[in-house]
């Protein structure tokens, strides 16, 4: 009976300590003093999420040591490990870094019309035959406009430039533009020299090709976490 009582007291004490540290955090997401609206605010620890409003503001419940992720298109992911100081702060400011703009290759065509140069034989060919009957409204020895049209089309077709197909993005490039530089060392606990080998390990998995077709930052992160577990097990096995 005493054991059950102590267990019950301990349970309620634990729950009370959690409820005391949990707080509704308020903050704003910005980039170079510009507000970011519609950004996803995700509490990965508690599996909850919200989005910033038109003023870039958000509110989300969190405990000390919870991991918050801030995700928005065109910006690198920002992460916040909630501290007791954050819990006491009434207004957090999260700064996000704008990704380098990657423009698709643009081809500007400056089409110039070259003067049509015809030889004497070509001029003779495009004339109407002298035997064509003439009458009211006709021009004897006039020009064959159908033939000239074909000649013009052939000349202009040579001036057309075909826009080259934009190069397809590969797995490593996808990771480079969507995942923060310190993600591998701080989140996955990889050594700097292991990063390239780890990406090769991930790229060899056929599932990485699915990420290229359906790019989603949360799916990408889950994939990297899962592959990191496999990578560490493989290293342990090889070391033994």
C-alpha atoms as a PDB file:
ATOM      1  CA  UNK A   1       0.000   0.000   0.000  1.00  0.00           C
ATOM      2  CA  UNK A   2       2.834   2.362   0.870  1.00  0.00           C
ATOM      3  CA  UNK A   3       4.588   1.523  -2.393  1.00  0.00           C
ATOM      4  CA  UNK A   4       1.458   2.348  -4.407  1.00  0.00           C
ATOM      5  CA  UNK A   5       1.025   5.591  -2.486  1.00  0.00           C
ATOM      6  CA  UNK A   6       4.638   6.611  -3.114  1.00  0.00           C
ATOM      7  CA  UNK A   7       4.290   5.739  -6.802  1.00  0.00           C
ATOM      8  CA  UNK A   8       1.133   7.826  -7.093  1.00  0.00           C
ATOM      9  CA  UNK A   9       2.751  10.792  -5.323  1.00  0.00           C
ATOM     10  CA  UNK A  10       5.829  10.545  -7.551  1.00  0.00           C
ATOM     11  CA  UNK A  11       3.668  10.439 -10.672  1.00  0.00           C
ATOM     12  CA  UNK A  12       1.683  13.531  -9.713  1.00  0.00           C
ATOM     13  CA  UNK A  13       4.871  15.318  -8.680  1.00  0.00           C
ATOM     14  CA  UNK A  14       6.362  14.583 -12.108  1.00  0.00           C
ATOM     15  CA  UNK A  15       3.223  15.768 -13.885  1.00  0.00           C
ATOM     16  CA  UNK A  16       3.182  18.925 -11.750  1.00  0.00           C
ATOM     17  CA  UNK A  17       6.817  19.668 -12.600  1.00  0.00           C
ATOM     18  CA  UNK A  18       6.050  19.306 -16.303  1.00  0.00           C
ATOM     19  CA  UNK A  19       3.007  21.537 -16.140  1.00  0.00           C
ATOM     20  CA  UNK A  20       5.028  24.143 -14.276  1.00  0.00           C
ATOM     21  CA  UNK A  21       7.754  24.287 -16.956  1.00  0.00           C
ATOM     22  CA  UNK A  22       5.434  24.058 -19.947  1.00  0.00           C
ATOM     23  CA  UNK A  23       4.499  27.459 -21.283  1.00  0.00           C
ATOM     24  CA  UNK A  24       2.875  29.024 -24.286  1.00  0.00           C
ATOM     25  CA  UNK A  25       5.794  30.657 -26.045  1.00  0.00           C
ATOM     26  CA  UNK A  26       5.168  33.799 -28.044  1.00  0.00           C
ATOM     27  CA  UNK A  27       7.530  35.102 -30.678  1.00  0.00           C
ATOM     28  CA  UNK A  28       8.128  36.511 -34.118  1.00  0.00           C
ATOM     29  CA  UNK A  29       9.990  35.112 -37.139  1.00  0.00           C
ATOM     30  CA  UNK A  30      11.978  37.640 -39.156  1.00  0.00           C
ATOM     31  CA  UNK A  31      14.802  37.872 -41.684  1.00  0.00           C
ATOM     32  CA  UNK A  32      16.878  41.052 -41.775  1.00  0.00           C
ATOM     33  CA  UNK A  33      14.079  42.895 -39.955  1.00  0.00           C
ATOM     34  CA  UNK A  34      11.520  41.677 -42.517  1.00  0.00           C
ATOM     35  CA  UNK A  35       8.656  39.618 -41.097  1.00  0.00           C
ATOM     36  CA  UNK A  36       8.101  36.108 -42.438  1.00  0.00           C
ATOM     37  CA  UNK A  37       4.448  35.151 -42.562  1.00  0.00           C
ATOM     38  CA  UNK A  38       3.206  31.614 -43.124  1.00  0.00           C
ATOM     39  CA  UNK A  39       6.360  30.042 -41.680  1.00  0.00           C
ATOM     40  CA  UNK A  40       5.927  26.620 -40.048  1.00  0.00           C
ATOM     41  CA  UNK A  41       6.793  26.462 -36.348  1.00  0.00           C
ATOM     42  CA  UNK A  42       7.217  22.833 -35.283  1.00  0.00           C
ATOM     43  CA  UNK A  43       7.773  21.454 -31.794  1.00  0.00           C
ATOM     44  CA  UNK A  44       9.476  18.213 -32.815  1.00  0.00           C
ATOM     45  CA  UNK A  45       9.590  16.955 -29.228  1.00  0.00           C
ATOM     46  CA  UNK A  46       5.877  17.440 -28.521  1.00  0.00           C
ATOM     47  CA  UNK A  47       4.816  16.703 -32.138  1.00  0.00           C
ATOM     48  CA  UNK A  48       2.845  19.947 -32.380  1.00  0.00           C
ATOM     49  CA  UNK A  49       3.001  22.763 -34.906  1.00  0.00           C
ATOM     50  CA  UNK A  50       1.625  26.149 -35.876  1.00  0.00           C
ATOM     51  CA  UNK A  51       2.280  28.880 -38.452  1.00  0.00           C
ATOM     52  CA  UNK A  52       3.174  32.542 -38.233  1.00  0.00           C
ATOM     53  CA  UNK A  53       0.429  35.075 -38.930  1.00  0.00           C
ATOM     54  CA  UNK A  54       0.544  38.107 -41.255  1.00  0.00           C
ATOM     55  CA  UNK A  55       2.715  39.910 -38.696  1.00  0.00           C
ATOM     56  CA  UNK A  56       5.176  37.021 -38.456  1.00  0.00           C
ATOM     57  CA  UNK A  57       4.020  36.216 -34.923  1.00  0.00           C
ATOM     58  CA  UNK A  58       3.425  32.739 -33.457  1.00  0.00           C
ATOM     59  CA  UNK A  59       2.408  31.009 -30.226  1.00  0.00           C
ATOM     60  CA  UNK A  60       3.254  27.406 -29.340  1.00  0.00           C
ATOM     61  CA  UNK A  61       3.423  25.348 -26.136  1.00  0.00           C
ATOM     62  CA  UNK A  62       6.877  24.115 -25.142  1.00  0.00           C
ATOM     63  CA  UNK A  63       8.923  22.707 -22.290  1.00  0.00           C
ATOM     64  CA  UNK A  64      12.585  23.172 -21.453  1.00  0.00           C
ATOM     65  CA  UNK A  65      14.792  21.130 -23.839  1.00  0.00           C
ATOM     66  CA  UNK A  66      12.075  20.880 -26.500  1.00  0.00           C
ATOM     67  CA  UNK A  67      13.356  21.237 -30.064  1.00  0.00           C
ATOM     68  CA  UNK A  68      11.584  23.875 -32.145  1.00  0.00           C
ATOM     69  CA  UNK A  69      12.089  24.077 -35.904  1.00  0.00           C
ATOM     70  CA  UNK A  70      11.218  27.098 -38.033  1.00  0.00           C
ATOM     71  CA  UNK A  71      10.672  26.327 -41.709  1.00  0.00           C
ATOM     72  CA  UNK A  72       9.799  28.589 -44.626  1.00  0.00           C
ATOM     73  CA  UNK A  73      10.367  28.468 -48.359  1.00  0.00           C
ATOM     74  CA  UNK A  74      13.469  30.310 -49.566  1.00  0.00           C
ATOM     75  CA  UNK A  75      14.992  30.261 -46.063  1.00  0.00           C
ATOM     76  CA  UNK A  76      17.341  27.891 -44.256  1.00  0.00           C
ATOM     77  CA  UNK A  77      15.782  25.949 -41.394  1.00  0.00           C
ATOM     78  CA  UNK A  78      16.253  27.531 -37.970  1.00  0.00           C
ATOM     79  CA  UNK A  79      16.273  25.494 -34.769  1.00  0.00           C
ATOM     80  CA  UNK A  80      15.771  26.499 -31.157  1.00  0.00           C
ATOM     81  CA  UNK A  81      16.536  24.279 -28.166  1.00  0.00           C
ATOM     82  CA  UNK A  82      14.168  25.689 -25.553  1.00  0.00           C
ATOM     83  CA  UNK A  83      15.885  26.860 -22.379  1.00  0.00           C
ATOM     84  CA  UNK A  84      14.526  28.092 -19.064  1.00  0.00           C
ATOM     85  CA  UNK A  85      15.384  31.590 -20.226  1.00  0.00           C
ATOM     86  CA  UNK A  86      13.217  31.100 -23.314  1.00  0.00           C
ATOM     87  CA  UNK A  87      10.388  29.945 -21.076  1.00  0.00           C
ATOM     88  CA  UNK A  88      10.614  33.185 -19.110  1.00  0.00           C
ATOM     89  CA  UNK A  89      10.903  35.370 -22.221  1.00  0.00           C
ATOM     90  CA  UNK A  90       7.615  36.877 -23.268  1.00  0.00           C
ATOM     91  CA  UNK A  91       8.597  37.660 -26.851  1.00  0.00           C
ATOM     92  CA  UNK A  92      11.123  35.557 -28.799  1.00  0.00           C
ATOM     93  CA  UNK A  93      12.675  36.794 -32.035  1.00  0.00           C
ATOM     94  CA  UNK A  94      13.761  34.095 -34.483  1.00  0.00           C
ATOM     95  CA  UNK A  95      16.034  35.196 -37.317  1.00  0.00           C
ATOM     96  CA  UNK A  96      16.051  33.092 -40.481  1.00  0.00           C
ATOM     97  CA  UNK A  97      18.722  33.213 -43.173  1.00  0.00           C
ATOM     98  CA  UNK A  98      17.654  33.709 -46.771  1.00  0.00           C
ATOM     99  CA  UNK A  99      18.940  31.044 -49.144  1.00  0.00           C
ATOM    100  CA  UNK A 100      21.093  32.178 -52.070  1.00  0.00           C
ATOM    101  CA  UNK A 101      18.786  32.730 -55.007  1.00  0.00           C
ATOM    102  CA  UNK A 102      19.216  30.080 -57.663  1.00  0.00           C
ATOM    103  CA  UNK A 103      17.961  31.245 -60.996  1.00  0.00           C
ATOM    104  CA  UNK A 104      17.248  28.827 -63.780  1.00  0.00           C
ATOM    105  CA  UNK A 105      19.347  29.458 -66.838  1.00  0.00           C
ATOM    106  CA  UNK A 106      17.783  32.221 -68.899  1.00  0.00           C
ATOM    107  CA  UNK A 107      18.473  32.579 -72.570  1.00  0.00           C
ATOM    108  CA  UNK A 108      17.789  35.989 -74.066  1.00  0.00           C
ATOM    109  CA  UNK A 109      17.378  35.768 -77.787  1.00  0.00           C
ATOM    110  CA  UNK A 110      18.170  38.910 -79.729  1.00  0.00           C
ATOM    111  CA  UNK A 111      16.772  38.043 -83.114  1.00  0.00           C
ATOM    112  CA  UNK A 112      17.965  40.201 -85.948  1.00  0.00           C
ATOM    113  CA  UNK A 113      16.498  39.964 -89.368  1.00  0.00           C
ATOM    114  CA  UNK A 114      19.179  39.398 -91.945  1.00  0.00           C
ATOM    115  CA  UNK A 115      18.684  40.980 -95.348  1.00  0.00           C
ATOM    116  CA  UNK A 116      17.395  38.453 -97.826  1.00  0.00           C
ATOM    117  CA  UNK A 117      19.994  37.800-100.462  1.00  0.00           C
ATOM    118  CA  UNK A 118      18.838  36.010-103.585  1.00  0.00           C
ATOM    119  CA  UNK A 119      20.826  34.988-106.585  1.00  0.00           C
ATOM    120  CA  UNK A 120      19.789  35.820-110.100  1.00  0.00           C
ATOM    121  CA  UNK A 121      18.543  32.250-110.599  1.00  0.00           C
ATOM    122  CA  UNK A 122      16.422  32.424-107.450  1.00  0.00           C
ATOM    123  CA  UNK A 123      14.923  35.703-108.615  1.00  0.00           C
ATOM    124  CA  UNK A 124      13.968  34.071-111.877  1.00  0.00           C
ATOM    125  CA  UNK A 125      12.416  31.135-110.047  1.00  0.00           C
ATOM    126  CA  UNK A 126      10.158  33.312-107.903  1.00  0.00           C
ATOM    127  CA  UNK A 127       8.847  35.302-110.820  1.00  0.00           C
ATOM    128  CA  UNK A 128       5.589  34.332-112.353  1.00  0.00           C
ATOM    129  CA  UNK A 129       5.974  32.610-115.664  1.00  0.00           C
ATOM    130  CA  UNK A 130       5.601  34.988-118.578  1.00  0.00           C
ATOM    131  CA  UNK A 131       2.916  32.718-120.029  1.00  0.00           C
ATOM    132  CA  UNK A 132       0.484  33.285-117.087  1.00  0.00           C
ATOM    133  CA  UNK A 133      -2.658  34.976-118.410  1.00  0.00           C
ATOM    134  CA  UNK A 134      -3.179  38.551-117.344  1.00  0.00           C
ATOM    135  CA  UNK A 135      -6.320  40.549-116.919  1.00  0.00           C
ATOM    136  CA  UNK A 136      -8.067  43.034-114.660  1.00  0.00           C
ATOM    137  CA  UNK A 137      -6.534  43.133-111.187  1.00  0.00           C
ATOM    138  CA  UNK A 138      -3.488  41.018-112.052  1.00  0.00           C
ATOM    139  CA  UNK A 139       0.166  41.940-112.333  1.00  0.00           C
ATOM    140  CA  UNK A 140       2.102  40.404-115.140  1.00  0.00           C
ATOM    141  CA  UNK A 141       5.493  39.001-114.079  1.00  0.00           C
ATOM    142  CA  UNK A 142       4.497  39.692-110.438  1.00  0.00           C
ATOM    143  CA  UNK A 143       6.082  38.063-107.383  1.00  0.00           C
ATOM    144  CA  UNK A 144       5.153  34.586-106.070  1.00  0.00           C
ATOM    145  CA  UNK A 145       4.351  35.460-102.452  1.00  0.00           C
ATOM    146  CA  UNK A 146       3.894  31.805-101.390  1.00  0.00           C
ATOM    147  CA  UNK A 147       7.423  31.006-102.475  1.00  0.00           C
ATOM    148  CA  UNK A 148       8.791  34.123-100.784  1.00  0.00           C
ATOM    149  CA  UNK A 149       6.951  33.179 -97.581  1.00  0.00           C
ATOM    150  CA  UNK A 150       8.640  29.789 -97.572  1.00  0.00           C
ATOM    151  CA  UNK A 151      12.025  31.431 -98.065  1.00  0.00           C
ATOM    152  CA  UNK A 152      11.418  33.831 -95.172  1.00  0.00           C
ATOM    153  CA  UNK A 153      10.303  31.010 -92.895  1.00  0.00           C
ATOM    154  CA  UNK A 154      13.432  29.010 -93.698  1.00  0.00           C
ATOM    155  CA  UNK A 155      15.659  31.993 -92.928  1.00  0.00           C
ATOM    156  CA  UNK A 156      13.932  32.865 -89.651  1.00  0.00           C
ATOM    157  CA  UNK A 157      13.970  29.258 -88.497  1.00  0.00           C
ATOM    158  CA  UNK A 158      17.762  29.351 -88.509  1.00  0.00           C
ATOM    159  CA  UNK A 159      17.625  32.278 -86.051  1.00  0.00           C
ATOM    160  CA  UNK A 160      15.574  30.412 -83.462  1.00  0.00           C
ATOM    161  CA  UNK A 161      17.430  29.372 -80.317  1.00  0.00           C
ATOM    162  CA  UNK A 162      16.264  26.442 -78.266  1.00  0.00           C
ATOM    163  CA  UNK A 163      16.355  27.088 -74.525  1.00  0.00           C
ATOM    164  CA  UNK A 164      18.524  24.422 -72.927  1.00  0.00           C
ATOM    165  CA  UNK A 165      16.861  22.188 -70.386  1.00  0.00           C
ATOM    166  CA  UNK A 166      17.587  23.217 -66.811  1.00  0.00           C
ATOM    167  CA  UNK A 167      19.877  20.728 -65.127  1.00  0.00           C
ATOM    168  CA  UNK A 168      18.096  18.358 -62.762  1.00  0.00           C
ATOM    169  CA  UNK A 169      18.847  18.816 -59.071  1.00  0.00           C
ATOM    170  CA  UNK A 170      20.650  15.919 -57.406  1.00  0.00           C
ATOM    171  CA  UNK A 171      20.402  14.668 -53.826  1.00  0.00           C
ATOM    172  CA  UNK A 172      23.501  16.449 -52.527  1.00  0.00           C
ATOM    173  CA  UNK A 173      22.375  19.749 -54.020  1.00  0.00           C
ATOM    174  CA  UNK A 174      18.917  19.314 -52.473  1.00  0.00           C
ATOM    175  CA  UNK A 175      20.519  18.816 -49.052  1.00  0.00           C
ATOM    176  CA  UNK A 176      22.842  21.773 -49.589  1.00  0.00           C
ATOM    177  CA  UNK A 177      20.013  24.241 -50.252  1.00  0.00           C
ATOM    178  CA  UNK A 178      17.529  22.943 -47.667  1.00  0.00           C
ATOM    179  CA  UNK A 179      19.527  21.803 -44.632  1.00  0.00           C
ATOM    180  CA  UNK A 180      21.607  24.119 -42.382  1.00  0.00           C
ATOM    181  CA  UNK A 181      25.364  23.671 -42.474  1.00  0.00           C
ATOM    182  CA  UNK A 182      25.617  22.728 -38.788  1.00  0.00           C
ATOM    183  CA  UNK A 183      22.763  20.197 -38.936  1.00  0.00           C
ATOM    184  CA  UNK A 184      25.131  17.284 -39.489  1.00  0.00           C
ATOM    185  CA  UNK A 185      27.433  18.087 -36.565  1.00  0.00           C
ATOM    186  CA  UNK A 186      24.899  19.395 -34.037  1.00  0.00           C
ATOM    187  CA  UNK A 187      21.839  17.262 -34.814  1.00  0.00           C
ATOM    188  CA  UNK A 188      23.320  14.073 -36.262  1.00  0.00           C
ATOM    189  CA  UNK A 189      26.545  14.279 -34.199  1.00  0.00           C
ATOM    190  CA  UNK A 190      28.673  13.519 -37.239  1.00  0.00           C
ATOM    191  CA  UNK A 191      32.286  14.523 -37.515  1.00  0.00           C
ATOM    192  CA  UNK A 192      32.979  17.130 -40.227  1.00  0.00           C
ATOM    193  CA  UNK A 193      35.045  14.622 -42.189  1.00  0.00           C
ATOM    194  CA  UNK A 194      32.157  12.109 -42.097  1.00  0.00           C
ATOM    195  CA  UNK A 195      29.639  14.397 -43.794  1.00  0.00           C
ATOM    196  CA  UNK A 196      30.628  13.568 -47.390  1.00  0.00           C
ATOM    197  CA  UNK A 197      30.688   9.829 -46.707  1.00  0.00           C
ATOM    198  CA  UNK A 198      27.303  10.057 -44.997  1.00  0.00           C
ATOM    199  CA  UNK A 199      25.767  11.873 -47.991  1.00  0.00           C
ATOM    200  CA  UNK A 200      27.162   9.191 -50.304  1.00  0.00           C
ATOM    201  CA  UNK A 201      25.581   6.594 -48.019  1.00  0.00           C
ATOM    202  CA  UNK A 202      22.221   8.395 -48.220  1.00  0.00           C
ATOM    203  CA  UNK A 203      22.448   8.937 -51.972  1.00  0.00           C
ATOM    204  CA  UNK A 204      22.908   5.193 -52.502  1.00  0.00           C
ATOM    205  CA  UNK A 205      19.484   4.573 -50.947  1.00  0.00           C
ATOM    206  CA  UNK A 206      16.765   4.502 -53.677  1.00  0.00           C
ATOM    207  CA  UNK A 207      14.486   6.437 -51.312  1.00  0.00           C
ATOM    208  CA  UNK A 208      16.668   9.506 -51.813  1.00  0.00           C
ATOM    209  CA  UNK A 209      15.377   9.712 -55.394  1.00  0.00           C
ATOM    210  CA  UNK A 210      11.823   9.965 -54.016  1.00  0.00           C
ATOM    211  CA  UNK A 211      12.858  13.091 -52.102  1.00  0.00           C
ATOM    212  CA  UNK A 212      13.927  14.716 -55.380  1.00  0.00           C
ATOM    213  CA  UNK A 213      10.485  14.161 -56.913  1.00  0.00           C
ATOM    214  CA  UNK A 214       8.554  15.164 -53.790  1.00  0.00           C
ATOM    215  CA  UNK A 215      10.764  17.597 -51.919  1.00  0.00           C
ATOM    216  CA  UNK A 216       9.503  18.157 -48.368  1.00  0.00           C
ATOM    217  CA  UNK A 217      11.748  19.426 -45.600  1.00  0.00           C
ATOM    218  CA  UNK A 218      10.154  17.311 -42.866  1.00  0.00           C
ATOM    219  CA  UNK A 219      10.367  14.165 -44.982  1.00  0.00           C
ATOM    220  CA  UNK A 220      13.976  15.010 -45.816  1.00  0.00           C
ATOM    221  CA  UNK A 221      14.890  15.472 -42.152  1.00  0.00           C
ATOM    222  CA  UNK A 222      13.185  12.216 -41.123  1.00  0.00           C
ATOM    223  CA  UNK A 223      15.099  10.454 -43.896  1.00  0.00           C
ATOM    224  CA  UNK A 224      18.416  11.891 -42.671  1.00  0.00           C
ATOM    225  CA  UNK A 225      17.695  10.920 -39.048  1.00  0.00           C
ATOM    226  CA  UNK A 226      16.823   7.361 -40.104  1.00  0.00           C
ATOM    227  CA  UNK A 227      19.899   7.028 -42.328  1.00  0.00           C
ATOM    228  CA  UNK A 228      22.060   8.410 -39.517  1.00  0.00           C
ATOM    229  CA  UNK A 229      20.959   5.554 -37.267  1.00  0.00           C
ATOM    230  CA  UNK A 230      21.867   3.059 -40.005  1.00  0.00           C
ATOM    231  CA  UNK A 231      25.163   4.849 -40.615  1.00  0.00           C
ATOM    232  CA  UNK A 232      26.168   4.653 -36.948  1.00  0.00           C
ATOM    233  CA  UNK A 233      25.221   0.970 -36.707  1.00  0.00           C
ATOM    234  CA  UNK A 234      27.308   0.276 -39.799  1.00  0.00           C
ATOM    235  CA  UNK A 235      30.300   2.116 -38.307  1.00  0.00           C
ATOM    236  CA  UNK A 236      29.979   0.169 -35.055  1.00  0.00           C
ATOM    237  CA  UNK A 237      29.785  -3.114 -36.926  1.00  0.00           C
ATOM    238  CA  UNK A 238      32.874  -2.300 -38.997  1.00  0.00           C
ATOM    239  CA  UNK A 239      34.851  -1.202 -35.951  1.00  0.00           C
ATOM    240  CA  UNK A 240      34.137  -4.545 -34.296  1.00  0.00           C
END
